[in-house]
Amino acid sequence: MMKFYLKHTLSILAVVGTLMISTASFGAIEIYEFKSAEDEARYKALIEELRCPKCQNQNLAGSDAPIAVDLKNQTYQMIQDGRSDTEIRQFMFDSYGDFISYKPPVRPSTWILWFFPPILLVVFILGWVYKAKKGRTVAVDEVATLSKAEEERVAQILAKHQSSKSEQAQHFNAQNSQNSHTQTDKDTP
């Protein structure tokens, strides 16, 4: 009898848990009525372009933060009032600063955002090219000529190296010929 109650209790808890999870996924769905399809397109473009001040790396369209909901409502209201996109952007910049936009305007306070990355890239490329060219060219003055004693020493080392190579080759050939004779002896019955 206890197993029966336990089994049904677990089933009921599973159903209730599933319902709670599924209703939570239906978060804040905003429904706005626009005067025209153009106004709706402007609204969607603006909330995609504007950044949520709280979420920081998320636009207004993807954020459910209370401030994002407020900014979406303000954007909708300004579009309904007939304001242009420029006026809406300017209102947002005045209220929240240049950070509110993923495309901040080019002005002295944002020059570092616009010009530093390309300048840094050019500097790195020029440095790389300079380093690559410097490594390939050898100045004639830097090439040292050998003295007579150094030339003789190099000749001795080369001669010694050549003789040791020829000795190794002779030893190798002798070993191979000996192995081939041993192999033919094994093959004959």
N, C-alpha and C. Protein backbone atom coordinates (compact mmCIF):
# COMPACT_ATOMS: atom_id res chain seq x y z
N MET A 1 0.82 -1.18 0.00
CA MET A 1 0.00 0.00 0.00
C MET A 1 0.88 1.26 0.00
N MET A 2 1.96 1.22 0.75
CA MET A 2 2.86 2.36 0.84
C MET A 2 3.50 2.64 -0.51
N LYS A 3 3.85 1.58 -1.26
CA LYS A 3 4.44 1.75 -2.58
C LYS A 3 3.46 2.45 -3.52
N PHE A 4 2.20 2.15 -3.40
CA PHE A 4 1.17 2.76 -4.24
C PHE A 4 1.12 4.28 -4.02
N TYR A 5 1.08 4.72 -2.75
CA TYR A 5 1.04 6.15 -2.45
C TYR A 5 2.33 6.86 -2.88
N LEU A 6 3.44 6.20 -2.66
CA LEU A 6 4.73 6.78 -3.03
C LEU A 6 4.82 6.96 -4.55
N LYS A 7 4.36 5.96 -5.28
CA LYS A 7 4.40 6.01 -6.74
C LYS A 7 3.51 7.15 -7.27
N HIS A 8 2.31 7.31 -6.74
CA HIS A 8 1.39 8.35 -7.20
C HIS A 8 1.87 9.74 -6.75
N THR A 9 2.45 9.82 -5.58
CA THR A 9 2.96 11.11 -5.10
C THR A 9 4.10 11.59 -6.01
N LEU A 10 5.01 10.68 -6.38
CA LEU A 10 6.10 11.04 -7.27
C LEU A 10 5.58 11.44 -8.65
N SER A 11 4.55 10.77 -9.13
CA SER A 11 3.96 11.12 -10.43
C SER A 11 3.36 12.51 -10.39
N ILE A 12 2.65 12.82 -9.32
CA ILE A 12 2.02 14.14 -9.18
C ILE A 12 3.10 15.22 -9.08
N LEU A 13 4.15 14.97 -8.32
CA LEU A 13 5.24 15.94 -8.21
C LEU A 13 5.92 16.17 -9.56
N ALA A 14 6.07 15.14 -10.34
CA ALA A 14 6.68 15.27 -11.66
C ALA A 14 5.82 16.14 -12.57
N VAL A 15 4.51 15.92 -12.54
CA VAL A 15 3.60 16.71 -13.38
C VAL A 15 3.61 18.17 -12.94
N VAL A 16 3.55 18.43 -11.62
CA VAL A 16 3.55 19.80 -11.11
C VAL A 16 4.87 20.49 -11.45
N GLY A 17 5.97 19.80 -11.30
CA GLY A 17 7.28 20.37 -11.62
C GLY A 17 7.37 20.73 -13.10
N THR A 18 6.89 19.86 -13.95
CA THR A 18 6.90 20.13 -15.39
C THR A 18 6.07 21.35 -15.73
N LEU A 19 4.90 21.47 -15.13
CA LEU A 19 4.05 22.63 -15.37
C LEU A 19 4.71 23.92 -14.89
N MET A 20 5.39 23.86 -13.75
CA MET A 20 6.05 25.05 -13.23
C MET A 20 7.18 25.50 -14.15
N ILE A 21 7.94 24.55 -14.66
CA ILE A 21 9.04 24.87 -15.55
C ILE A 21 8.52 25.42 -16.87
N SER A 22 7.47 24.82 -17.41
CA SER A 22 6.96 25.28 -18.70
C SER A 22 6.32 26.65 -18.61
N THR A 23 5.68 26.99 -17.49
CA THR A 23 5.08 28.32 -17.37
C THR A 23 6.15 29.38 -17.13
N ALA A 24 7.28 29.01 -16.55
CA ALA A 24 8.36 29.97 -16.33
C ALA A 24 9.00 30.36 -17.66
N SER A 25 8.97 29.48 -18.64
CA SER A 25 9.58 29.79 -19.92
C SER A 25 8.75 30.76 -20.75
N PHE A 26 7.54 31.03 -20.33
CA PHE A 26 6.71 32.00 -21.03
C PHE A 26 6.90 33.39 -20.47
N GLY A 27 8.13 33.76 -20.08
CA GLY A 27 8.47 35.04 -19.44
C GLY A 27 7.74 36.22 -20.03
N ALA A 28 8.36 37.33 -20.00
CA ALA A 28 7.74 38.57 -20.43
C ALA A 28 7.67 38.63 -21.95
N ILE A 29 6.47 38.54 -22.47
CA ILE A 29 6.25 38.68 -23.90
C ILE A 29 5.55 40.02 -24.09
N GLU A 30 6.22 40.90 -24.82
CA GLU A 30 5.65 42.22 -25.03
C GLU A 30 4.91 42.24 -26.36
N ILE A 31 3.73 42.76 -26.31
CA ILE A 31 2.92 42.88 -27.52
C ILE A 31 2.64 44.36 -27.71
N TYR A 32 3.12 44.89 -28.82
CA TYR A 32 2.91 46.30 -29.13
C TYR A 32 2.14 46.40 -30.44
N GLU A 33 1.24 47.35 -30.50
CA GLU A 33 0.48 47.63 -31.72
C GLU A 33 1.09 48.85 -32.38
N PHE A 34 1.47 48.74 -33.62
CA PHE A 34 2.09 49.84 -34.34
C PHE A 34 1.15 50.39 -35.39
N LYS A 35 1.36 51.65 -35.75
CA LYS A 35 0.53 52.31 -36.76
C LYS A 35 0.81 51.76 -38.15
N SER A 36 2.08 51.35 -38.36
CA SER A 36 2.46 50.82 -39.67
C SER A 36 3.57 49.78 -39.50
N ALA A 37 3.78 49.02 -40.56
CA ALA A 37 4.85 48.02 -40.55
C ALA A 37 6.22 48.70 -40.49
N GLU A 38 6.31 49.93 -41.04
CA GLU A 38 7.57 50.68 -41.00
C GLU A 38 7.93 51.04 -39.56
N ASP A 39 6.93 51.45 -38.77
CA ASP A 39 7.19 51.77 -37.36
C ASP A 39 7.65 50.53 -36.60
N GLU A 40 7.04 49.40 -36.89
CA GLU A 40 7.43 48.16 -36.22
C GLU A 40 8.86 47.78 -36.59
N ALA A 41 9.23 47.95 -37.86
CA ALA A 41 10.60 47.65 -38.30
C ALA A 41 11.59 48.60 -37.63
N ARG A 42 11.24 49.88 -37.50
CA ARG A 42 12.10 50.85 -36.82
C ARG A 42 12.29 50.44 -35.36
N TYR A 43 11.21 50.05 -34.71
CA TYR A 43 11.28 49.63 -33.30
C TYR A 43 12.22 48.44 -33.14
N LYS A 44 12.03 47.43 -33.98
CA LYS A 44 12.87 46.23 -33.88
C LYS A 44 14.35 46.56 -34.13
N ALA A 45 14.61 47.44 -35.11
CA ALA A 45 16.00 47.82 -35.41
C ALA A 45 16.62 48.58 -34.24
N LEU A 46 15.84 49.46 -33.63
CA LEU A 46 16.37 50.24 -32.50
C LEU A 46 16.66 49.37 -31.29
N ILE A 47 15.76 48.46 -30.95
CA ILE A 47 16.02 47.64 -29.76
C ILE A 47 17.10 46.60 -30.01
N GLU A 48 17.38 46.29 -31.28
CA GLU A 48 18.52 45.42 -31.60
C GLU A 48 19.83 46.20 -31.47
N GLU A 49 19.79 47.49 -31.79
CA GLU A 49 20.99 48.33 -31.78
C GLU A 49 21.35 48.83 -30.39
N LEU A 50 20.35 49.05 -29.55
CA LEU A 50 20.61 49.61 -28.23
C LEU A 50 20.95 48.52 -27.23
N ARG A 51 21.90 48.81 -26.37
CA ARG A 51 22.43 47.86 -25.40
C ARG A 51 21.72 48.04 -24.06
N CYS A 52 21.49 46.94 -23.37
CA CYS A 52 20.89 46.99 -22.03
C CYS A 52 21.94 47.52 -21.05
N PRO A 53 21.63 48.58 -20.31
CA PRO A 53 22.61 49.12 -19.36
C PRO A 53 22.95 48.16 -18.23
N LYS A 54 22.04 47.28 -17.90
CA LYS A 54 22.30 46.35 -16.80
C LYS A 54 23.05 45.11 -17.30
N CYS A 55 22.60 44.55 -18.41
CA CYS A 55 23.17 43.29 -18.92
C CYS A 55 24.51 43.51 -19.61
N GLN A 56 24.77 44.66 -20.11
CA GLN A 56 26.00 45.11 -20.72
C GLN A 56 26.33 44.46 -22.05
N ASN A 57 26.31 43.18 -22.17
CA ASN A 57 26.65 42.57 -23.46
C ASN A 57 25.43 41.98 -24.14
N GLN A 58 24.29 42.56 -23.87
CA GLN A 58 23.05 42.07 -24.46
C GLN A 58 22.25 43.28 -24.93
N ASN A 59 21.61 43.13 -26.07
CA ASN A 59 20.81 44.25 -26.54
C ASN A 59 19.45 44.28 -25.84
N LEU A 60 18.69 45.33 -26.08
CA LEU A 60 17.39 45.46 -25.42
C LEU A 60 16.44 44.35 -25.86
N ALA A 61 16.54 43.93 -27.11
CA ALA A 61 15.63 42.90 -27.62
C ALA A 61 15.80 41.58 -26.88
N GLY A 62 17.00 41.26 -26.46
CA GLY A 62 17.25 39.98 -25.82
C GLY A 62 17.25 40.02 -24.30
N SER A 63 16.98 41.19 -23.72
CA SER A 63 17.06 41.32 -22.27
C SER A 63 15.67 41.43 -21.65
N ASP A 64 15.50 40.76 -20.50
CA ASP A 64 14.26 40.86 -19.72
C ASP A 64 14.48 41.65 -18.44
N ALA A 65 15.61 42.33 -18.31
CA ALA A 65 15.89 43.13 -17.12
C ALA A 65 14.85 44.25 -17.04
N PRO A 66 14.47 44.65 -15.84
CA PRO A 66 13.45 45.71 -15.70
C PRO A 66 13.81 47.00 -16.45
N ILE A 67 15.08 47.39 -16.43
CA ILE A 67 15.45 48.62 -17.15
C ILE A 67 15.31 48.43 -18.65
N ALA A 68 15.59 47.24 -19.15
CA ALA A 68 15.44 46.97 -20.58
C ALA A 68 13.97 47.04 -20.98
N VAL A 69 13.10 46.51 -20.13
CA VAL A 69 11.65 46.58 -20.40
C VAL A 69 11.22 48.05 -20.44
N ASP A 70 11.72 48.85 -19.49
CA ASP A 70 11.38 50.28 -19.47
C ASP A 70 11.87 50.99 -20.73
N LEU A 71 13.10 50.68 -21.15
CA LEU A 71 13.65 51.32 -22.35
C LEU A 71 12.90 50.88 -23.61
N LYS A 72 12.47 49.63 -23.66
CA LYS A 72 11.66 49.19 -24.80
C LYS A 72 10.34 49.94 -24.83
N ASN A 73 9.74 50.12 -23.65
CA ASN A 73 8.48 50.87 -23.58
C ASN A 73 8.69 52.32 -24.00
N GLN A 74 9.78 52.94 -23.56
CA GLN A 74 10.07 54.32 -23.95
C GLN A 74 10.29 54.43 -25.46
N THR A 75 11.02 53.46 -26.01
CA THR A 75 11.26 53.46 -27.46
C THR A 75 9.94 53.34 -28.21
N TYR A 76 9.10 52.44 -27.77
CA TYR A 76 7.79 52.27 -28.39
C TYR A 76 6.99 53.57 -28.31
N GLN A 77 6.99 54.18 -27.15
CA GLN A 77 6.22 55.40 -26.93
C GLN A 77 6.73 56.53 -27.82
N MET A 78 8.05 56.67 -27.95
CA MET A 78 8.62 57.72 -28.79
C MET A 78 8.29 57.49 -30.26
N ILE A 79 8.28 56.24 -30.69
CA ILE A 79 7.90 55.93 -32.08
C ILE A 79 6.43 56.30 -32.29
N GLN A 80 5.59 55.98 -31.32
CA GLN A 80 4.16 56.31 -31.41
C GLN A 80 3.97 57.84 -31.43
N ASP A 81 4.84 58.58 -30.74
CA ASP A 81 4.74 60.04 -30.71
C ASP A 81 5.28 60.68 -31.99
N GLY A 82 5.85 59.87 -32.89
CA GLY A 82 6.31 60.39 -34.17
C GLY A 82 7.75 60.88 -34.17
N ARG A 83 8.53 60.52 -33.18
CA ARG A 83 9.94 60.93 -33.15
C ARG A 83 10.75 60.12 -34.14
N SER A 84 11.80 60.74 -34.65
CA SER A 84 12.67 60.06 -35.61
C SER A 84 13.66 59.16 -34.86
N ASP A 85 14.30 58.28 -35.62
CA ASP A 85 15.30 57.39 -35.03
C ASP A 85 16.45 58.19 -34.42
N THR A 86 16.84 59.27 -35.09
CA THR A 86 17.92 60.12 -34.58
C THR A 86 17.54 60.74 -33.24
N GLU A 87 16.30 61.20 -33.12
CA GLU A 87 15.84 61.78 -31.85
C GLU A 87 15.82 60.73 -30.74
N ILE A 88 15.39 59.53 -31.07
CA ILE A 88 15.34 58.45 -30.07
C ILE A 88 16.75 58.09 -29.62
N ARG A 89 17.67 57.94 -30.59
CA ARG A 89 19.06 57.64 -30.24
C ARG A 89 19.66 58.74 -29.38
N GLN A 90 19.40 59.98 -29.74
CA GLN A 90 19.94 61.11 -28.99
C GLN A 90 19.40 61.12 -27.56
N PHE A 91 18.12 60.80 -27.39
CA PHE A 91 17.54 60.71 -26.05
C PHE A 91 18.26 59.63 -25.24
N MET A 92 18.50 58.49 -25.86
CA MET A 92 19.17 57.39 -25.17
C MET A 92 20.62 57.77 -24.82
N PHE A 93 21.33 58.43 -25.77
CA PHE A 93 22.71 58.86 -25.50
C PHE A 93 22.74 59.88 -24.37
N ASP A 94 21.80 60.81 -24.38
CA ASP A 94 21.75 61.83 -23.32
C ASP A 94 21.45 61.20 -21.97
N SER A 95 20.60 60.19 -21.96
CA SER A 95 20.20 59.56 -20.69
C SER A 95 21.22 58.56 -20.18
N TYR A 96 21.84 57.76 -21.09
CA TYR A 96 22.68 56.64 -20.65
C TYR A 96 24.11 56.69 -21.18
N GLY A 97 24.44 57.70 -21.95
CA GLY A 97 25.80 57.82 -22.47
C GLY A 97 26.01 56.99 -23.73
N ASP A 98 27.23 57.07 -24.27
CA ASP A 98 27.55 56.36 -25.51
C ASP A 98 27.52 54.85 -25.34
N PHE A 99 27.62 54.39 -24.11
CA PHE A 99 27.64 52.95 -23.85
C PHE A 99 26.35 52.26 -24.28
N ILE A 100 25.26 53.01 -24.35
CA ILE A 100 23.95 52.42 -24.66
C ILE A 100 23.90 51.85 -26.08
N SER A 101 24.83 52.29 -26.94
CA SER A 101 24.79 51.86 -28.33
C SER A 101 25.95 50.92 -28.65
N TYR A 102 25.65 49.93 -29.49
CA TYR A 102 26.71 49.07 -30.01
C TYR A 102 27.51 49.80 -31.08
N LYS A 103 26.94 50.89 -31.62
CA LYS A 103 27.62 51.70 -32.63
C LYS A 103 27.74 53.13 -32.09
N PRO A 104 28.67 53.36 -31.17
CA PRO A 104 28.79 54.71 -30.61
C PRO A 104 29.22 55.71 -31.70
N PRO A 105 28.79 56.96 -31.56
CA PRO A 105 29.16 57.97 -32.57
C PRO A 105 30.66 58.29 -32.50
N VAL A 106 31.19 58.75 -33.63
CA VAL A 106 32.61 59.13 -33.67
C VAL A 106 32.72 60.56 -33.16
N ARG A 107 33.30 60.69 -32.00
CA ARG A 107 33.56 62.00 -31.38
C ARG A 107 34.81 61.83 -30.52
N PRO A 108 35.39 62.92 -30.05
CA PRO A 108 36.66 62.81 -29.30
C PRO A 108 36.61 61.82 -28.13
N SER A 109 35.49 61.72 -27.47
CA SER A 109 35.42 60.78 -26.34
C SER A 109 35.41 59.32 -26.77
N THR A 110 35.11 59.03 -28.05
CA THR A 110 35.08 57.64 -28.52
C THR A 110 36.16 57.34 -29.55
N TRP A 111 37.08 58.27 -29.76
CA TRP A 111 38.13 58.04 -30.75
C TRP A 111 38.94 56.80 -30.43
N ILE A 112 39.19 56.54 -29.17
CA ILE A 112 39.98 55.36 -28.81
C ILE A 112 39.27 54.07 -29.25
N LEU A 113 37.95 54.05 -29.19
CA LEU A 113 37.20 52.88 -29.63
C LEU A 113 37.29 52.68 -31.14
N TRP A 114 37.27 53.78 -31.88
CA TRP A 114 37.23 53.71 -33.33
C TRP A 114 38.62 53.59 -33.95
N PHE A 115 39.60 54.30 -33.40
CA PHE A 115 40.89 54.39 -34.10
C PHE A 115 42.00 53.56 -33.48
N PHE A 116 41.94 53.22 -32.22
CA PHE A 116 43.02 52.46 -31.59
C PHE A 116 43.19 51.06 -32.19
N PRO A 117 42.13 50.27 -32.37
CA PRO A 117 42.33 48.93 -32.94
C PRO A 117 42.98 48.92 -34.33
N PRO A 118 42.53 49.77 -35.29
CA PRO A 118 43.22 49.73 -36.58
C PRO A 118 44.66 50.23 -36.50
N ILE A 119 44.91 51.26 -35.68
CA ILE A 119 46.28 51.76 -35.53
C ILE A 119 47.17 50.68 -34.93
N LEU A 120 46.68 50.00 -33.92
CA LEU A 120 47.43 48.91 -33.29
C LEU A 120 47.72 47.80 -34.30
N LEU A 121 46.75 47.47 -35.13
CA LEU A 121 46.95 46.45 -36.16
C LEU A 121 48.04 46.87 -37.14
N VAL A 122 48.00 48.11 -37.59
CA VAL A 122 49.02 48.61 -38.53
C VAL A 122 50.41 48.58 -37.88
N VAL A 123 50.51 48.98 -36.62
CA VAL A 123 51.80 48.96 -35.92
C VAL A 123 52.34 47.53 -35.83
N PHE A 124 51.48 46.58 -35.48
CA PHE A 124 51.93 45.18 -35.40
C PHE A 124 52.37 44.66 -36.76
N ILE A 125 51.65 44.98 -37.81
CA ILE A 125 52.02 44.51 -39.15
C ILE A 125 53.35 45.13 -39.58
N LEU A 126 53.52 46.44 -39.35
CA LEU A 126 54.79 47.09 -39.70
C LEU A 126 55.95 46.50 -38.89
N GLY A 127 55.73 46.24 -37.61
CA GLY A 127 56.76 45.62 -36.78
C GLY A 127 57.13 44.24 -37.28
N TRP A 128 56.13 43.47 -37.67
CA TRP A 128 56.37 42.13 -38.18
C TRP A 128 57.17 42.18 -39.49
N VAL A 129 56.78 43.10 -40.40
CA VAL A 129 57.49 43.24 -41.68
C VAL A 129 58.92 43.69 -41.43
N TYR A 130 59.12 44.65 -40.54
CA TYR A 130 60.47 45.13 -40.22
C TYR A 130 61.32 43.99 -39.67
N LYS A 131 60.77 43.23 -38.74
CA LYS A 131 61.51 42.11 -38.13
C LYS A 131 61.84 41.05 -39.18
N ALA A 132 60.88 40.77 -40.08
CA ALA A 132 61.11 39.75 -41.10
C ALA A 132 62.19 40.20 -42.08
N LYS A 133 62.18 41.47 -42.48
CA LYS A 133 63.20 41.96 -43.41
C LYS A 133 64.57 42.03 -42.75
N LYS A 134 64.61 42.45 -41.50
CA LYS A 134 65.87 42.58 -40.78
C LYS A 134 66.53 41.20 -40.63
N GLY A 135 65.75 40.18 -40.42
CA GLY A 135 66.29 38.83 -40.25
C GLY A 135 66.85 38.26 -41.53
N ARG A 136 66.34 38.70 -42.70
CA ARG A 136 66.80 38.15 -43.97
C ARG A 136 68.03 38.83 -44.53
N THR A 137 68.20 40.08 -44.28
CA THR A 137 69.34 40.81 -44.86
C THR A 137 70.54 40.73 -43.94
N VAL A 138 71.68 40.48 -44.54
CA VAL A 138 72.93 40.45 -43.79
C VAL A 138 73.82 41.53 -44.37
N ALA A 139 74.25 42.40 -43.54
CA ALA A 139 75.12 43.48 -44.00
C ALA A 139 76.49 42.91 -44.36
N VAL A 140 77.11 43.47 -45.42
CA VAL A 140 78.41 43.00 -45.88
C VAL A 140 79.46 43.22 -44.79
N ASP A 141 79.32 44.29 -44.04
CA ASP A 141 80.28 44.58 -42.98
C ASP A 141 80.24 43.53 -41.88
N GLU A 142 79.08 42.91 -41.70
CA GLU A 142 78.92 41.95 -40.61
C GLU A 142 79.55 40.60 -40.94
N VAL A 143 79.80 40.31 -42.22
CA VAL A 143 80.39 39.04 -42.61
C VAL A 143 81.89 39.11 -42.34
N ALA A 144 82.37 38.26 -41.47
CA ALA A 144 83.79 38.28 -41.08
C ALA A 144 84.55 37.31 -41.98
N THR A 145 85.72 37.73 -42.37
CA THR A 145 86.58 36.84 -43.14
C THR A 145 87.47 36.08 -42.16
N LEU A 146 87.80 34.87 -42.56
CA LEU A 146 88.61 34.02 -41.69
C LEU A 146 90.10 34.34 -41.86
N SER A 147 90.79 34.21 -40.76
CA SER A 147 92.25 34.37 -40.83
C SER A 147 92.84 33.07 -41.37
N LYS A 148 94.14 33.08 -41.68
CA LYS A 148 94.81 31.88 -42.20
C LYS A 148 94.74 30.75 -41.19
N ALA A 149 94.92 31.03 -39.93
CA ALA A 149 94.89 29.99 -38.90
C ALA A 149 93.49 29.39 -38.80
N GLU A 150 92.48 30.24 -38.91
CA GLU A 150 91.10 29.74 -38.84
C GLU A 150 90.76 28.89 -40.06
N GLU A 151 91.25 29.30 -41.24
CA GLU A 151 91.01 28.52 -42.45
C GLU A 151 91.66 27.15 -42.34
N GLU A 152 92.88 27.08 -41.80
CA GLU A 152 93.57 25.80 -41.64
C GLU A 152 92.81 24.91 -40.66
N ARG A 153 92.30 25.51 -39.58
CA ARG A 153 91.56 24.73 -38.57
C ARG A 153 90.27 24.16 -39.18
N VAL A 154 89.58 24.96 -39.97
CA VAL A 154 88.35 24.49 -40.63
C VAL A 154 88.69 23.36 -41.59
N ALA A 155 89.78 23.48 -42.35
CA ALA A 155 90.19 22.45 -43.29
C ALA A 155 90.51 21.15 -42.55
N GLN A 156 91.17 21.23 -41.39
CA GLN A 156 91.48 20.04 -40.59
C GLN A 156 90.19 19.36 -40.12
N ILE A 157 89.29 20.16 -39.63
CA ILE A 157 88.03 19.59 -39.12
C ILE A 157 87.27 18.91 -40.25
N LEU A 158 87.21 19.56 -41.42
CA LEU A 158 86.52 18.96 -42.56
C LEU A 158 87.20 17.67 -43.01
N ALA A 159 88.53 17.66 -43.05
CA ALA A 159 89.26 16.47 -43.46
C ALA A 159 89.00 15.32 -42.47
N LYS A 160 89.04 15.65 -41.18
CA LYS A 160 88.78 14.63 -40.16
C LYS A 160 87.37 14.08 -40.29
N HIS A 161 86.44 14.96 -40.54
CA HIS A 161 85.04 14.56 -40.68
C HIS A 161 84.86 13.67 -41.91
N GLN A 162 85.52 14.04 -43.02
CA GLN A 162 85.40 13.25 -44.24
C GLN A 162 86.01 11.87 -44.04
N SER A 163 87.15 11.81 -43.35
CA SER A 163 87.80 10.51 -43.15
C SER A 163 86.97 9.62 -42.23
N SER A 164 86.38 10.21 -41.21
CA SER A 164 85.55 9.38 -40.31
C SER A 164 84.30 8.90 -41.04
N LYS A 165 83.79 9.71 -41.96
CA LYS A 165 82.62 9.28 -42.74
C LYS A 165 82.99 8.12 -43.66
N SER A 166 84.14 8.20 -44.29
CA SER A 166 84.55 7.13 -45.20
C SER A 166 84.84 5.85 -44.42
N GLU A 167 85.40 5.97 -43.20
CA GLU A 167 85.63 4.79 -42.36
C GLU A 167 84.31 4.15 -41.97
N GLN A 168 83.34 4.97 -41.63
CA GLN A 168 82.03 4.44 -41.26
C GLN A 168 81.39 3.75 -42.45
N ALA A 169 81.53 4.32 -43.63
CA ALA A 169 80.95 3.72 -44.83
C ALA A 169 81.62 2.38 -45.13
N GLN A 170 82.95 2.28 -44.98
CA GLN A 170 83.65 1.02 -45.22
C GLN A 170 83.21 -0.03 -44.21
N HIS A 171 83.08 0.37 -42.93
CA HIS A 171 82.65 -0.55 -41.90
C HIS A 171 81.23 -1.06 -42.18
N PHE A 172 80.36 -0.16 -42.61
CA PHE A 172 78.99 -0.51 -42.93
C PHE A 172 78.94 -1.49 -44.10
N ASN A 173 79.72 -1.22 -45.16
CA ASN A 173 79.74 -2.10 -46.32
C ASN A 173 80.28 -3.47 -45.95
N ALA A 174 81.30 -3.51 -45.10
CA ALA A 174 81.88 -4.79 -44.68
C ALA A 174 80.85 -5.59 -43.88
N GLN A 175 80.11 -4.91 -43.03
CA GLN A 175 79.10 -5.58 -42.23
C GLN A 175 77.99 -6.13 -43.11
N ASN A 176 77.57 -5.36 -44.09
CA ASN A 176 76.49 -5.81 -44.98
C ASN A 176 76.93 -7.00 -45.81
N SER A 177 78.14 -7.00 -46.28
CA SER A 177 78.61 -8.14 -47.09
C SER A 177 78.72 -9.39 -46.21
N GLN A 178 79.16 -9.22 -44.97
CA GLN A 178 79.26 -10.35 -44.05
C GLN A 178 77.86 -10.89 -43.74
N ASN A 179 76.89 -10.01 -43.54
CA ASN A 179 75.51 -10.44 -43.27
C ASN A 179 74.91 -11.14 -44.46
N SER A 180 75.22 -10.70 -45.66
CA SER A 180 74.65 -11.33 -46.85
C SER A 180 75.23 -12.74 -47.02
N HIS A 181 76.53 -12.96 -46.69
CA HIS A 181 77.12 -14.27 -46.75
C HIS A 181 76.48 -15.19 -45.71
N THR A 182 76.24 -14.70 -44.51
CA THR A 182 75.63 -15.47 -43.46
C THR A 182 74.21 -15.87 -43.86
N GLN A 183 73.53 -14.97 -44.50
CA GLN A 183 72.16 -15.22 -44.93
C GLN A 183 72.14 -16.30 -46.00
N THR A 184 73.05 -16.28 -46.97
CA THR A 184 73.07 -17.29 -48.03
C THR A 184 73.47 -18.62 -47.47
N ASP A 185 74.31 -18.66 -46.43
CA ASP A 185 74.68 -19.91 -45.79
C ASP A 185 73.46 -20.56 -45.12
N LYS A 186 72.63 -19.75 -44.53
CA LYS A 186 71.42 -20.28 -43.87
C LYS A 186 70.42 -20.79 -44.88
N ASP A 187 70.39 -20.16 -46.07
CA ASP A 187 69.39 -20.54 -47.08
C ASP A 187 69.76 -21.87 -47.74
N THR A 188 71.02 -22.20 -47.81
CA THR A 188 71.42 -23.45 -48.47
C THR A 188 71.27 -24.62 -47.50
N PRO A 189 70.65 -25.74 -47.97
CA PRO A 189 70.44 -26.89 -47.08
C PRO A 189 71.60 -27.80 -46.92
